[in-house]
Amino acid sequence: MPFIIAVAFLLGLCFGSFANVVIYRVPAGKSIVKPPSACRHCGNRLKFFELFPVVSWLFLCGKCRTCKKKISLRYPLVELLCALLFAGMAWFSPTLSLVPLLVFVFVLLVISFIDADTMEIPDGLVVAGAIAGIIFVFGGHFGIFPGAVSWLDALLGAVAGAAPLLIIDRIVILLLEKDGFGFGDVKLMAMVGLFIGWQLMLLAFSVAFISAAPFAIYLMATGKRGGYIAFGPFLCAGSLAALWFGNYFKEVFT
């Protein structure tokens, strides 16, 4: 297991670097494949030794090699966070199930940052996660992916994830004449339901709402962002908590 966790950590660093590309380019409507990575200030294409996750940022002292302007600390932090999440998932499931679950983690990570930046959740990322979820459930049915929920649990999970947010959104619109939740959140939790099933949705939503409450109160009090909160990051955190700690949750309430 230590070897698998170490490999997952290194893989997470690499995918964390790719996550930075997706987080920046997808909302801008740019290709995530080309052109090659370049400095956002001077446009200078990065050399191979500038592309090593975390290490290159430290080696360059957080500055572009050419124009010397600062490179955001968020880049290495995203890479490190992705590596830690991948390692955590490897500890949680050191089996073939790790493959679709790493896709799940990657999608949640990227969605969290994009939603925090733009207040939007790209459909393409939700679709990618849903495809991984379907493969996860399908493989689980044939014993390839241990720990996957059944088809019925997955379908009920998708409904249990989407329905509450959709209902709350409709009620808020009727009462306050403004959106309660965006449809991006609704589609996100439908995708999450494929991985965790319907039974753990209560835990996912509880973690999301409890952790989001202080930020929501602050935004409403200050009027920043019009009082709206990017709920996606909290839903993603709650989803991971449900996936990792769901068994303990079930033991307490059963």
Protein backbone atom coordinates (compact mmCIF):
# COMPACT_ATOMS: atom_id res chain seq x y z
CA MET A 1 0.00 0.00 0.00
CA PRO A 2 2.76 2.58 0.75
CA PHE A 3 4.05 2.11 -2.80
CA ILE A 4 0.59 2.69 -4.30
CA ILE A 5 0.11 5.79 -2.16
CA ALA A 6 3.51 7.16 -3.21
CA VAL A 7 2.76 6.56 -6.88
CA ALA A 8 -0.65 8.19 -6.49
CA PHE A 9 0.98 11.21 -4.84
CA LEU A 10 3.43 11.66 -7.73
CA LEU A 11 0.64 11.14 -10.24
CA GLY A 12 -1.40 13.73 -8.37
CA LEU A 13 1.39 16.28 -8.74
CA CYS A 14 1.35 15.77 -12.50
CA PHE A 15 -2.42 15.94 -12.74
CA GLY A 16 -2.37 18.95 -10.44
CA SER A 17 -0.30 20.74 -13.05
CA PHE A 18 -2.87 19.75 -15.68
CA ALA A 19 -5.64 20.90 -13.33
CA ASN A 20 -4.14 24.40 -13.36
CA VAL A 21 -4.37 24.39 -17.15
CA VAL A 22 -8.01 23.27 -17.10
CA ILE A 23 -8.97 25.74 -14.36
CA TYR A 24 -7.58 28.65 -16.40
CA ARG A 25 -8.45 27.64 -19.96
CA VAL A 26 -11.91 26.06 -19.76
CA PRO A 27 -13.70 29.19 -18.43
CA ALA A 28 -11.83 31.24 -21.04
CA GLY A 29 -13.05 28.97 -23.80
CA LYS A 30 -9.52 27.92 -24.73
CA SER A 31 -8.18 24.50 -25.72
CA ILE A 32 -6.66 22.51 -22.86
CA VAL A 33 -4.33 20.78 -25.32
CA LYS A 34 -2.70 23.63 -27.22
CA PRO A 35 -0.86 25.92 -27.29
CA PRO A 36 1.86 24.72 -24.87
CA SER A 37 2.01 26.30 -21.42
CA ALA A 38 3.38 29.83 -21.31
CA CYS A 39 3.79 32.72 -18.89
CA ARG A 40 0.50 34.59 -18.57
CA HIS A 41 2.38 37.88 -18.35
CA CYS A 42 4.96 37.83 -21.13
CA GLY A 43 3.72 34.87 -23.18
CA ASN A 44 7.10 33.11 -23.08
CA ARG A 45 6.70 29.36 -23.60
CA LEU A 46 7.85 27.36 -20.63
CA LYS A 47 10.87 25.09 -20.94
CA PHE A 48 10.69 21.50 -19.73
CA PHE A 49 12.52 22.32 -16.49
CA GLU A 50 9.86 24.93 -15.70
CA LEU A 51 7.07 22.36 -15.84
CA PHE A 52 7.94 20.20 -12.85
CA PRO A 53 5.04 20.49 -10.37
CA VAL A 54 5.85 22.48 -7.21
CA VAL A 55 9.61 22.01 -7.68
CA SER A 56 9.85 24.41 -10.63
CA TRP A 57 7.93 27.10 -8.74
CA LEU A 58 10.31 26.78 -5.81
CA PHE A 59 13.39 26.69 -8.05
CA LEU A 60 12.26 29.87 -9.82
CA CYS A 61 11.39 31.52 -6.49
CA GLY A 62 7.82 31.99 -7.67
CA LYS A 63 8.79 34.23 -10.60
CA CYS A 64 8.80 33.90 -14.37
CA ARG A 65 12.29 33.10 -15.65
CA THR A 66 11.93 35.64 -18.46
CA CYS A 67 9.93 38.64 -17.25
CA LYS A 68 10.52 38.10 -13.50
CA LYS A 69 6.88 38.75 -12.66
CA LYS A 70 5.37 36.76 -9.82
CA ILE A 71 3.73 33.40 -10.49
CA SER A 72 0.69 32.93 -8.28
CA LEU A 73 1.18 30.72 -5.23
CA ARG A 74 -2.07 29.03 -6.17
CA TYR A 75 -0.35 27.02 -8.91
CA PRO A 76 1.86 24.92 -6.60
CA LEU A 77 -0.91 24.77 -4.00
CA VAL A 78 -3.32 23.24 -6.53
CA GLU A 79 -0.62 20.74 -7.54
CA LEU A 80 0.09 19.82 -3.93
CA LEU A 81 -3.61 19.58 -3.07
CA CYS A 82 -4.21 17.28 -6.03
CA ALA A 83 -1.29 15.10 -4.94
CA LEU A 84 -2.63 14.85 -1.39
CA LEU A 85 -6.13 14.02 -2.62
CA PHE A 86 -4.79 11.33 -4.95
CA ALA A 87 -2.73 9.86 -2.11
CA GLY A 88 -5.74 9.96 0.19
CA MET A 89 -7.84 8.17 -2.39
CA ALA A 90 -5.11 5.53 -2.81
CA TRP A 91 -5.18 4.96 0.95
CA PHE A 92 -8.96 4.75 0.85
CA SER A 93 -9.14 2.33 -2.09
CA PRO A 94 -5.85 0.63 -3.09
CA THR A 95 -7.64 -1.47 -5.74
CA LEU A 96 -8.67 -1.14 -9.37
CA SER A 97 -11.46 1.13 -8.12
CA LEU A 98 -8.75 3.74 -7.71
CA VAL A 99 -8.83 4.50 -11.46
CA PRO A 100 -12.39 5.93 -11.71
CA LEU A 101 -12.13 7.38 -8.22
CA LEU A 102 -9.07 9.43 -9.19
CA VAL A 103 -11.04 10.82 -12.10
CA PHE A 104 -13.78 11.69 -9.62
CA VAL A 105 -11.33 13.50 -7.35
CA PHE A 106 -9.74 15.37 -10.25
CA VAL A 107 -13.12 16.55 -11.53
CA LEU A 108 -14.20 17.72 -8.06
CA LEU A 109 -10.94 19.61 -7.58
CA VAL A 110 -11.17 21.43 -10.90
CA ILE A 111 -14.86 22.21 -10.48
CA SER A 112 -14.19 23.68 -7.03
CA PHE A 113 -11.67 26.20 -8.31
CA ILE A 114 -13.57 27.10 -11.47
CA ASP A 115 -16.78 27.66 -9.51
CA ALA A 116 -14.92 29.75 -6.92
CA ASP A 117 -13.48 31.90 -9.72
CA THR A 118 -16.46 32.22 -12.05
CA MET A 119 -19.57 31.07 -10.14
CA GLU A 120 -20.11 28.55 -12.94
CA ILE A 121 -19.67 24.77 -13.27
CA PRO A 122 -18.78 23.67 -16.82
CA ASP A 123 -21.02 20.93 -18.19
CA GLY A 124 -18.06 19.17 -19.80
CA LEU A 125 -16.48 18.44 -16.43
CA VAL A 126 -19.75 17.10 -15.01
CA VAL A 127 -20.16 14.87 -18.06
CA ALA A 128 -16.59 13.56 -17.65
CA GLY A 129 -17.31 12.76 -14.01
CA ALA A 130 -20.64 11.11 -14.91
CA ILE A 131 -18.93 8.89 -17.50
CA ALA A 132 -16.39 7.82 -14.87
CA GLY A 133 -19.26 7.19 -12.45
CA ILE A 134 -21.13 5.01 -14.94
CA ILE A 135 -17.95 3.03 -15.65
CA PHE A 136 -17.41 2.69 -11.90
CA VAL A 137 -20.90 1.29 -11.33
CA PHE A 138 -20.74 -0.91 -14.44
CA GLY A 139 -17.38 -2.34 -13.38
CA GLY A 140 -18.63 -2.84 -9.86
CA HIS A 141 -21.54 -4.90 -11.18
CA PHE A 142 -19.03 -7.33 -12.68
CA GLY A 143 -16.69 -7.29 -9.68
CA ILE A 144 -13.98 -5.23 -11.36
CA PHE A 145 -14.29 -2.19 -9.11
CA PRO A 146 -14.77 -3.17 -5.43
CA GLY A 147 -16.84 -0.77 -3.37
CA ALA A 148 -18.97 0.57 -6.21
CA VAL A 149 -22.66 1.04 -5.42
CA SER A 150 -25.31 -0.94 -7.28
CA TRP A 151 -27.10 0.39 -10.36
CA LEU A 152 -30.21 1.08 -8.29
CA ASP A 153 -28.26 2.91 -5.57
CA ALA A 154 -26.45 4.94 -8.22
CA LEU A 155 -29.68 5.99 -9.94
CA LEU A 156 -31.33 6.82 -6.62
CA GLY A 157 -28.15 8.66 -5.63
CA ALA A 158 -28.33 10.82 -8.76
CA VAL A 159 -31.94 11.69 -7.96
CA ALA A 160 -31.21 12.24 -4.26
CA GLY A 161 -28.35 14.55 -5.20
CA ALA A 162 -30.18 16.65 -7.74
CA ALA A 163 -33.75 16.78 -6.41
CA PRO A 164 -33.21 18.65 -3.09
CA LEU A 165 -31.22 21.46 -4.74
CA LEU A 166 -33.70 21.74 -7.59
CA ILE A 167 -36.65 21.92 -5.19
CA ILE A 168 -34.94 24.53 -2.99
CA ASP A 169 -34.05 26.55 -6.09
CA ARG A 170 -37.69 26.57 -7.26
CA ILE A 171 -38.95 27.58 -3.81
CA VAL A 172 -36.43 30.43 -3.53
CA ILE A 173 -37.41 31.69 -6.99
CA LEU A 174 -41.10 31.66 -6.04
CA LEU A 175 -40.57 33.40 -2.70
CA LEU A 176 -37.67 35.77 -3.38
CA GLU A 177 -37.72 35.96 -7.18
CA LYS A 178 -34.03 35.11 -7.46
CA ASP A 179 -32.02 31.93 -8.00
CA GLY A 180 -31.35 29.72 -5.00
CA PHE A 181 -28.95 27.29 -6.65
CA GLY A 182 -27.57 27.20 -10.14
CA PHE A 183 -28.29 24.21 -12.35
CA GLY A 184 -24.56 23.54 -12.28
CA ASP A 185 -24.87 22.52 -8.62
CA VAL A 186 -27.87 20.33 -9.44
CA LYS A 187 -25.99 18.50 -12.21
CA LEU A 188 -22.87 18.23 -10.05
CA MET A 189 -24.69 16.38 -7.28
CA ALA A 190 -26.46 14.12 -9.76
CA MET A 191 -22.99 13.08 -10.93
CA VAL A 192 -21.77 12.63 -7.36
CA GLY A 193 -24.72 10.35 -6.63
CA LEU A 194 -23.37 7.83 -9.13
CA PHE A 195 -20.31 7.38 -6.92
CA ILE A 196 -21.72 7.53 -3.40
CA GLY A 197 -25.32 6.35 -3.82
CA TRP A 198 -28.40 7.76 -2.13
CA GLN A 199 -27.62 6.73 1.45
CA LEU A 200 -24.63 9.06 1.84
CA MET A 201 -26.25 12.13 0.31
CA LEU A 202 -27.38 13.34 3.73
CA LEU A 203 -23.76 13.38 4.92
CA ALA A 204 -22.55 15.11 1.74
CA PHE A 205 -25.19 17.84 2.01
CA SER A 206 -24.69 18.24 5.78
CA VAL A 207 -20.95 18.86 5.40
CA ALA A 208 -21.57 21.22 2.48
CA PHE A 209 -24.21 23.35 4.19
CA ILE A 210 -22.45 23.49 7.56
CA SER A 211 -19.11 24.51 6.04
CA ALA A 212 -20.72 27.01 3.66
CA ALA A 213 -22.87 28.73 6.28
CA PRO A 214 -20.19 31.12 7.69
CA PHE A 215 -19.17 32.21 4.17
CA ALA A 216 -22.78 32.73 3.12
CA ILE A 217 -23.49 34.86 6.19
CA TYR A 218 -20.37 36.93 5.52
CA LEU A 219 -21.28 37.52 1.87
CA MET A 220 -24.85 38.48 2.73
CA ALA A 221 -23.65 40.85 5.44
CA THR A 222 -21.08 42.55 3.22
CA GLY A 223 -22.99 42.39 -0.04
CA LYS A 224 -19.95 40.99 -1.84
CA ARG A 225 -20.73 39.01 -5.00
CA GLY A 226 -24.30 40.22 -4.60
CA GLY A 227 -24.65 37.99 -1.56
CA TYR A 228 -24.20 34.86 -3.67
CA ILE A 229 -21.82 32.10 -2.69
CA ALA A 230 -20.00 29.63 -4.94
CA PHE A 231 -21.54 26.51 -3.43
CA GLY A 232 -19.70 24.06 -5.69
CA PRO A 233 -16.50 23.87 -3.59
CA PHE A 234 -18.50 23.03 -0.48
CA LEU A 235 -20.55 20.40 -2.31
CA CYS A 236 -17.32 18.85 -3.58
CA ALA A 237 -15.84 18.80 -0.08
CA GLY A 238 -19.01 17.24 1.30
CA SER A 239 -18.98 14.63 -1.45
CA LEU A 240 -15.41 13.59 -0.65
CA ALA A 241 -16.22 13.46 3.05
CA ALA A 242 -19.19 11.20 2.31
CA LEU A 243 -17.07 8.92 0.13
CA TRP A 244 -14.23 8.62 2.65
CA PHE A 245 -16.13 8.58 5.93
CA GLY A 246 -19.47 7.21 4.79
CA ASN A 247 -18.94 3.78 6.35
CA TYR A 248 -18.46 5.33 9.80
CA PHE A 249 -21.58 7.42 9.19
CA LYS A 250 -23.60 4.32 8.33
CA GLU A 251 -22.39 2.49 11.45
CA VAL A 252 -23.56 5.31 13.69
CA PHE A 253 -27.04 5.51 12.19
CA THR A 254 -27.69 1.80 11.65
